[in-house]
Amino acid sequence: MAADPRPANDSAPIRPSLFDRAVEAARRDPTPPPAPPAPRAPRPPIDRVSALLAAAIVATPLLTWGGATMLTARAQDEGRAIARRAAPVMAEQAAAQQARTLLQQAWRGAPLGTTLESLARALPPDAALLRAERNAAGMIAIEVAAPDPDRLLAALRRDPVLAGLRATAQARVDGDGRMRVTLEQRP
C-alpha cells in the first residue's frame, strides 16, 4: 500500500494566511462611520409618591440622629444627677478605706517604743537623740546629733530594726562641731 499524497486535513476549508489577513487589515479604513445619535427618551416628571419616598429616605437618618442625640443628653443628665447623689457616699467610703490602710500600716510596723529601744542600743556613745516621731502614715522620722554621720549610719545599719532608716538631711549644729542627721523610714 502506498502512502496517500494528500495531507490528512485536505477537507478543511481554505482560509487566508496570516500575511493575507494583515494586508487586508492595513487596507481597510481605520475610522468607522459615526453612529447616528440615539433618540432621547423623555424624562418623566417627578410625581408625588416618588417625592415623598425620597423625602422619607433622606429624613430617616436625620430623625434617627436627632433622637439618639436627645437620648444621649438625657442619659448624661441622669448620670450627672446620680454622681451628685452618690458623691457623699463615695467620699465616706474613700475615707474609710484610707483609715483602714493607715491602721493596717501601723499594725504591721514595729511600735515606736521598739524602735527607740533599738536606737538606744545602736547609737554610738557620743551621739544624742534629738527627736523621734511616727506620723499617721506610719513613717518614722528621727533626728540625731553626732560628730561623725558616717559612723552613726554604720552603727544603725547593724541593727535589723533600724536597717531601713535612710539619711535625708544633714546640718551642722551650732558651736559644738556636731552634725544634725535626719533619718526617715518608710513603712
Protein backbone atom coordinates (compact mmCIF):
# COMPACT_ATOMS: atom_id res chain seq x y z
CA MET A 1 0.00 0.00 0.00
CA ALA A 2 1.29 3.34 -0.96
CA ALA A 3 1.03 6.46 1.13
CA ASP A 4 -1.66 8.98 0.27
CA PRO A 5 -0.01 12.14 -1.23
CA ARG A 6 -2.74 14.43 0.21
CA PRO A 7 -2.48 15.66 3.77
CA ALA A 8 -4.99 14.35 6.31
CA ASN A 9 -6.80 17.71 6.68
CA ASP A 10 -7.36 18.23 2.99
CA SER A 11 -11.08 18.56 3.52
CA ALA A 12 -10.65 21.60 5.80
CA PRO A 13 -11.80 24.92 4.32
CA ILE A 14 -9.01 27.01 2.94
CA ARG A 15 -8.55 30.24 4.92
CA PRO A 16 -6.39 33.18 4.01
CA SER A 17 -2.93 33.11 5.52
CA LEU A 18 -1.82 35.33 8.39
CA PHE A 19 0.02 37.61 5.94
CA ASP A 20 -3.08 37.96 3.76
CA ARG A 21 -5.18 38.90 6.77
CA ALA A 22 -2.62 41.54 7.88
CA VAL A 23 -2.57 43.12 4.40
CA GLU A 24 -6.40 43.17 4.35
CA ALA A 25 -6.48 44.89 7.77
CA ALA A 26 -3.98 47.54 6.62
CA ARG A 27 -6.06 48.38 3.52
CA ARG A 28 -9.28 48.90 5.49
CA ASP A 29 -10.36 52.42 6.55
CA PRO A 30 -9.42 52.80 10.25
CA THR A 31 -12.26 55.22 11.17
CA PRO A 32 -15.71 53.74 11.24
CA PRO A 33 -18.59 55.99 10.17
CA PRO A 34 -20.20 57.88 13.07
CA ALA A 35 -23.23 56.22 14.57
CA PRO A 36 -26.47 58.17 14.36
CA PRO A 37 -27.42 59.77 17.70
CA ALA A 38 -29.78 57.73 19.83
CA PRO A 39 -33.17 59.27 20.35
CA ARG A 40 -33.63 60.74 23.82
CA ALA A 41 -36.26 59.24 25.99
CA PRO A 42 -38.50 61.86 27.56
CA ARG A 43 -37.88 62.33 31.31
CA PRO A 44 -40.94 61.57 33.34
CA PRO A 45 -41.95 64.29 35.75
CA ILE A 46 -41.45 63.52 39.46
CA ASP A 47 -44.75 62.50 40.89
CA ARG A 48 -45.89 62.99 44.48
CA VAL A 49 -45.27 59.42 45.59
CA SER A 50 -41.66 59.48 44.37
CA ALA A 51 -41.04 62.82 46.07
CA LEU A 52 -42.47 61.56 49.38
CA LEU A 53 -40.41 58.39 49.16
CA ALA A 54 -37.22 60.38 48.51
CA ALA A 55 -38.01 62.72 51.42
CA ALA A 56 -38.62 59.73 53.72
CA ILE A 57 -35.31 58.15 52.67
CA VAL A 58 -33.43 61.38 53.44
CA ALA A 59 -35.34 62.17 56.65
CA THR A 60 -34.98 58.74 58.30
CA PRO A 61 -31.25 59.02 59.21
CA LEU A 62 -31.71 62.64 60.27
CA LEU A 63 -34.56 61.76 62.61
CA THR A 64 -32.59 58.80 63.98
CA TRP A 65 -29.58 61.02 64.66
CA GLY A 66 -31.75 63.66 66.36
CA GLY A 67 -33.47 61.06 68.56
CA ALA A 68 -30.15 59.50 69.52
CA THR A 69 -28.79 62.93 70.46
CA MET A 70 -31.77 63.59 72.71
CA LEU A 71 -31.49 60.18 74.38
CA THR A 72 -27.75 60.69 74.94
CA ALA A 73 -28.35 64.09 76.54
CA ARG A 74 -30.96 62.62 78.88
CA ALA A 75 -28.68 59.74 79.87
CA GLN A 76 -25.80 62.13 80.57
CA ASP A 77 -28.05 64.33 82.74
CA GLU A 78 -29.22 61.29 84.69
CA GLY A 79 -25.60 60.15 85.13
CA ARG A 80 -24.59 63.54 86.49
CA ALA A 81 -27.54 63.52 88.91
CA ILE A 82 -26.62 60.05 90.15
CA ALA A 83 -22.98 61.12 90.58
CA ARG A 84 -24.10 64.15 92.64
CA ARG A 85 -26.26 61.96 94.88
CA ALA A 86 -23.52 59.33 95.27
CA ALA A 87 -20.64 61.76 95.96
CA PRO A 88 -21.07 61.85 99.77
CA VAL A 89 -21.29 58.07 99.98
CA MET A 90 -18.22 57.66 97.76
CA ALA A 91 -16.25 60.19 99.86
CA GLU A 92 -17.22 58.35 103.04
CA GLN A 93 -16.13 55.02 101.56
CA ALA A 94 -12.81 56.51 100.40
CA ALA A 95 -12.14 57.95 103.87
CA ALA A 96 -12.95 54.60 105.49
CA GLN A 97 -10.63 52.80 103.07
CA GLN A 98 -7.83 55.29 103.79
CA ALA A 99 -8.32 54.82 107.54
CA ARG A 100 -8.17 51.02 107.11
CA THR A 101 -4.96 51.38 105.10
CA LEU A 102 -3.35 53.60 107.75
CA LEU A 103 -4.41 51.21 110.51
CA GLN A 104 -3.02 48.25 108.58
CA GLN A 105 0.32 50.05 108.09
CA ALA A 106 0.51 50.94 111.78
CA TRP A 107 -0.36 47.40 112.78
CA ARG A 108 2.28 45.85 110.52
CA GLY A 109 5.10 48.20 111.57
CA ALA A 110 7.17 47.90 114.71
CA PRO A 111 5.91 50.09 117.57
CA LEU A 112 7.81 53.32 118.18
CA GLY A 113 8.93 52.02 121.60
CA THR A 114 10.67 49.05 119.98
CA THR A 115 12.35 51.37 117.51
CA LEU A 116 13.50 53.67 120.34
CA GLU A 117 14.93 50.73 122.32
CA SER A 118 16.85 49.55 119.27
CA LEU A 119 18.03 53.10 118.64
CA ALA A 120 19.27 53.47 122.25
CA ARG A 121 21.28 50.23 121.93
CA ALA A 122 22.72 51.11 118.49
CA LEU A 123 23.64 54.79 118.96
CA PRO A 124 27.34 55.50 119.45
CA PRO A 125 28.19 56.95 122.90
CA ASP A 126 28.94 60.42 121.50
CA ALA A 127 25.58 60.68 119.66
CA ALA A 128 22.38 62.17 121.11
CA LEU A 129 18.74 61.64 120.12
CA LEU A 130 17.08 64.98 119.40
CA ARG A 131 13.65 63.96 118.07
CA ALA A 132 11.72 60.78 117.18
CA GLU A 133 8.20 60.60 115.75
CA ARG A 134 5.86 58.41 113.72
CA ASN A 135 3.23 60.16 111.61
CA ALA A 136 -0.25 58.88 110.71
CA ALA A 137 1.07 57.22 107.55
CA GLY A 138 3.48 55.14 109.67
CA MET A 139 6.66 56.95 108.59
CA ILE A 140 9.32 57.23 111.29
CA ALA A 141 11.41 60.43 111.42
CA ILE A 142 14.43 60.65 113.78
CA GLU A 143 16.94 63.44 114.36
CA VAL A 144 20.28 62.57 115.91
CA ALA A 145 23.24 64.81 116.74
CA ALA A 146 26.59 63.07 116.16
CA PRO A 147 30.16 64.21 115.44
CA ASP A 148 30.56 61.67 112.59
CA PRO A 149 27.41 60.98 110.48
CA ASP A 150 29.06 58.09 108.60
CA ARG A 151 29.92 56.25 111.82
CA LEU A 152 26.36 56.88 113.07
CA LEU A 153 24.80 55.40 109.89
CA ALA A 154 27.13 52.37 110.02
CA ALA A 155 26.13 51.72 113.64
CA LEU A 156 22.41 51.99 112.82
CA ARG A 157 22.65 49.60 109.85
CA ARG A 158 23.91 46.82 112.12
CA ASP A 159 20.52 46.61 113.86
CA PRO A 160 17.81 44.88 111.74
CA VAL A 161 15.02 47.10 113.14
CA LEU A 162 16.92 50.24 112.14
CA ALA A 163 18.36 48.96 108.84
CA GLY A 164 15.56 50.68 106.89
CA LEU A 165 16.47 54.17 108.16
CA ARG A 166 17.83 56.46 105.44
CA ALA A 167 19.58 59.80 105.98
CA THR A 168 17.53 62.53 104.33
CA ALA A 169 19.26 65.67 105.65
CA GLN A 170 22.39 66.82 107.47
CA ALA A 171 23.11 70.19 109.06
CA ARG A 172 25.81 71.50 111.36
CA VAL A 173 24.76 72.08 115.00
CA ASP A 174 25.89 75.47 116.32
CA GLY A 175 29.20 75.61 118.13
CA ASP A 176 29.97 72.07 119.28
CA GLY A 177 31.16 70.50 115.97
CA ARG A 178 28.32 68.02 115.75
CA MET A 179 26.09 67.29 112.76
CA ARG A 180 22.31 67.02 112.95
CA VAL A 181 21.30 63.98 110.88
CA THR A 182 17.66 63.49 109.91
CA LEU A 183 16.73 59.84 109.32
CA GLU A 184 13.45 58.56 107.86
CA GLN A 185 11.99 55.10 107.46
CA ARG A 186 9.00 54.40 105.25
CA PRO A 187 6.52 51.75 106.42
